[in-house]
Amino acid sequence: MRIVPLDQTFTRWDELLALILSAFASMNGRIDPPSSALKLTTASLAEKAGTEIGHVAIDGEKLIGCLFLRPEADCLYVGKLAVLPEVQGKGLGKRLLALAEETAAALDLPALRLETRIELTDNHAVFAAWGFCRTAEKAHPGFARTTFVEMRKVLAPPICVA
C-alpha cells in the first residue's frame, strides 16, 4: 500500500469519486443535511485537487483511501478523509492523519481541524482517540439546531536542541 499526492498526472477521478461515495454511504439517511460528498462530481474533485492538497492511498492498483487538506490561517483543515468500508478499522485513516500532521508541520501550522456531523458519535470517539478535541458546535445555513462539530488536534511544538 502506498499513499501518493494528487497531481496533474492523476486521471482516475471516476474511481476517486466512487471511493468517496462508498466511504460516505453509511451516512445517507443518518445525517441532515445530506453529505456534501453527494454533490461531488469528477470535475469538482479535479478542481478540489487543484486548490487543496490531496492524497490517495493505493493498494496494488485499487484506490482505497483519500484525504484533502486546506491550509488556513492557524491550522490545516482536514476534509474528505475517506477509506473504503472494507478497509476501515485497519489503520489507514490514522496513517492519512499522520500525513496531515507532517504536512501541517511542513507548513508551520500548529493544529489540524476537521468537522464531523453531530449524528456520527462513533466518528467523534475515533477522532478523540486520535487526539482531537471538540472545539465548537455549529449549524449549517438554514438549520437552527447543531448539525456538526468542529474538532482540533494541537500538534506538539518541535523540541529544539541548543
Protein backbone atom coordinates (compact mmCIF):
# COMPACT_ATOMS: atom_id res chain seq x y z
CA MET A 1 0.00 0.00 0.00
CA ARG A 2 1.27 3.45 -0.87
CA ILE A 3 0.00 6.99 -0.37
CA VAL A 4 0.65 9.35 -3.26
CA PRO A 5 -0.12 13.02 -3.84
CA LEU A 6 -2.83 14.03 -6.28
CA ASP A 7 -1.09 15.92 -9.05
CA GLN A 8 -1.50 16.71 -12.74
CA THR A 9 -0.74 13.09 -13.68
CA PHE A 10 -3.74 11.72 -11.76
CA THR A 11 -6.60 10.72 -14.07
CA ARG A 12 -8.68 8.28 -12.02
CA TRP A 13 -11.38 10.79 -11.00
CA ASP A 14 -14.26 8.34 -11.54
CA GLU A 15 -12.63 5.85 -9.17
CA LEU A 16 -11.88 8.54 -6.60
CA LEU A 17 -15.49 9.75 -6.67
CA ALA A 18 -16.72 6.15 -6.26
CA LEU A 19 -14.34 5.68 -3.30
CA ILE A 20 -15.64 8.80 -1.53
CA LEU A 21 -19.28 7.92 -2.17
CA SER A 22 -18.70 4.38 -0.89
CA ALA A 23 -16.91 5.60 2.23
CA PHE A 24 -19.65 8.14 3.00
CA ALA A 25 -22.61 5.88 2.05
CA SER A 26 -23.28 4.83 5.66
CA MET A 27 -24.18 8.47 6.41
CA ASN A 28 -27.02 8.51 3.87
CA GLY A 29 -30.28 8.83 5.78
CA ARG A 30 -28.40 9.31 9.09
CA ILE A 31 -27.34 12.93 8.73
CA ASP A 32 -29.26 16.08 7.89
CA PRO A 33 -28.39 17.96 5.77
CA PRO A 34 -27.06 15.22 3.45
CA SER A 35 -23.30 14.92 2.99
CA SER A 36 -21.61 17.36 0.63
CA ALA A 37 -19.95 14.26 -0.86
CA LEU A 38 -23.20 13.65 -2.72
CA LYS A 39 -22.67 16.91 -4.63
CA LEU A 40 -19.18 15.99 -5.82
CA THR A 41 -18.50 15.31 -9.48
CA THR A 42 -15.36 14.17 -11.24
CA ALA A 43 -14.85 17.76 -12.41
CA SER A 44 -15.31 19.25 -8.93
CA LEU A 45 -12.90 16.67 -7.49
CA ALA A 46 -10.27 17.61 -10.06
CA GLU A 47 -10.82 21.27 -9.19
CA LYS A 48 -10.58 20.48 -5.47
CA ALA A 49 -7.27 18.70 -6.08
CA GLY A 50 -6.01 21.83 -7.83
CA THR A 51 -6.81 24.15 -4.92
CA GLU A 52 -6.15 21.81 -1.96
CA ILE A 53 -3.52 19.26 -1.02
CA GLY A 54 -4.87 15.86 -1.99
CA HIS A 55 -3.54 12.34 -1.43
CA VAL A 56 -4.79 8.89 -2.39
CA ALA A 57 -3.98 5.54 -0.82
CA ILE A 58 -3.50 2.75 -3.34
CA ASP A 59 -3.32 -0.98 -2.63
CA GLY A 60 -1.99 -2.74 -5.71
CA GLU A 61 -3.90 -0.73 -8.30
CA LYS A 62 -7.05 -0.16 -6.21
CA LEU A 63 -7.84 3.24 -4.65
CA ILE A 64 -8.66 2.51 -1.01
CA GLY A 65 -8.49 5.92 0.70
CA CYS A 66 -8.06 9.64 0.24
CA LEU A 67 -7.53 12.86 2.11
CA PHE A 68 -7.86 16.53 1.18
CA LEU A 69 -6.08 19.25 3.16
CA ARG A 70 -6.55 23.02 3.08
CA PRO A 71 -4.20 25.43 4.85
CA GLU A 72 -6.00 28.03 6.97
CA ALA A 73 -4.58 30.92 9.00
CA ASP A 74 -3.95 28.93 12.20
CA CYS A 75 -4.41 25.29 11.21
CA LEU A 76 -4.62 22.71 8.46
CA TYR A 77 -8.20 21.75 7.61
CA VAL A 78 -8.74 18.02 7.05
CA GLY A 79 -11.53 17.34 4.59
CA LYS A 80 -12.89 14.34 2.74
CA LEU A 81 -10.93 11.81 4.75
CA ALA A 82 -12.35 8.67 3.13
CA VAL A 83 -11.49 4.98 3.47
CA LEU A 84 -13.29 2.18 1.65
CA PRO A 85 -15.66 0.38 4.06
CA GLU A 86 -13.86 -2.98 3.66
CA VAL A 87 -10.56 -1.35 4.71
CA GLN A 88 -11.92 0.70 7.63
CA GLY A 89 -10.61 -0.17 11.09
CA LYS A 90 -7.20 -1.29 9.81
CA GLY A 91 -5.23 1.89 10.48
CA LEU A 92 -5.41 3.65 7.11
CA GLY A 93 -7.33 6.64 8.48
CA LYS A 94 -4.69 7.07 11.16
CA ARG A 95 -1.93 6.86 8.52
CA LEU A 96 -3.65 9.53 6.45
CA LEU A 97 -3.97 11.78 9.50
CA ALA A 98 -0.27 11.24 10.26
CA LEU A 99 0.40 12.57 6.76
CA ALA A 100 -1.82 15.56 7.59
CA GLU A 101 0.30 16.19 10.69
CA GLU A 102 3.51 16.04 8.63
CA THR A 103 2.00 18.47 6.12
CA ALA A 104 0.93 20.87 8.89
CA ALA A 105 4.43 20.77 10.37
CA ALA A 106 5.99 21.47 6.95
CA LEU A 107 3.66 24.47 6.58
CA ASP A 108 4.35 25.69 10.14
CA LEU A 109 0.71 25.24 11.12
CA PRO A 110 0.21 24.31 14.80
CA ALA A 111 -3.01 22.31 14.56
CA LEU A 112 -5.31 20.14 12.49
CA ARG A 113 -9.01 20.99 12.22
CA LEU A 114 -11.88 18.86 10.99
CA GLU A 115 -15.64 18.84 11.04
CA THR A 116 -17.88 15.83 11.64
CA ARG A 117 -21.62 15.56 11.78
CA ILE A 118 -23.35 15.70 15.14
CA GLU A 119 -25.11 12.37 14.48
CA LEU A 120 -21.84 10.48 13.88
CA THR A 121 -20.90 9.92 17.51
CA ASP A 122 -18.74 6.94 16.55
CA ASN A 123 -16.58 9.31 14.46
CA HIS A 124 -16.35 11.72 17.42
CA ALA A 125 -14.96 8.88 19.56
CA VAL A 126 -12.44 7.77 16.92
CA PHE A 127 -11.15 11.31 16.39
CA ALA A 128 -10.95 11.86 20.17
CA ALA A 129 -8.88 8.66 20.48
CA TRP A 130 -6.57 10.11 17.82
CA GLY A 131 -6.02 13.26 19.90
CA PHE A 132 -8.72 15.59 18.57
CA CYS A 133 -10.79 17.69 20.99
CA ARG A 134 -14.25 19.10 20.33
CA THR A 135 -13.89 22.87 20.00
CA ALA A 136 -17.26 24.03 18.65
CA GLU A 137 -20.77 23.01 17.75
CA LYS A 138 -22.16 24.67 14.63
CA ALA A 139 -25.13 24.61 12.29
CA HIS A 140 -25.32 24.52 8.51
CA PRO A 141 -27.07 27.51 6.92
CA GLY A 142 -30.82 27.26 7.38
CA PHE A 143 -30.63 24.98 10.44
CA ALA A 144 -31.50 26.17 13.96
CA ARG A 145 -30.01 23.06 15.61
CA THR A 146 -26.40 21.89 15.77
CA THR A 147 -25.57 19.86 12.67
CA PHE A 148 -21.81 19.41 13.03
CA VAL A 149 -18.96 19.63 15.49
CA GLU A 150 -15.54 21.08 14.92
CA MET A 151 -12.60 19.17 16.35
CA ARG A 152 -8.95 20.21 16.60
CA LYS A 153 -5.71 18.50 17.32
CA VAL A 154 -2.94 20.74 18.57
CA LEU A 155 0.38 19.44 17.30
CA ALA A 156 3.33 19.24 19.66
CA PRO A 157 5.83 22.04 19.19
CA PRO A 158 9.23 20.94 17.93
CA ILE A 159 11.87 20.18 20.54
CA CYS A 160 14.79 22.49 19.91
CA VAL A 161 18.32 21.46 20.68
CA ALA A 162 20.71 24.24 21.59
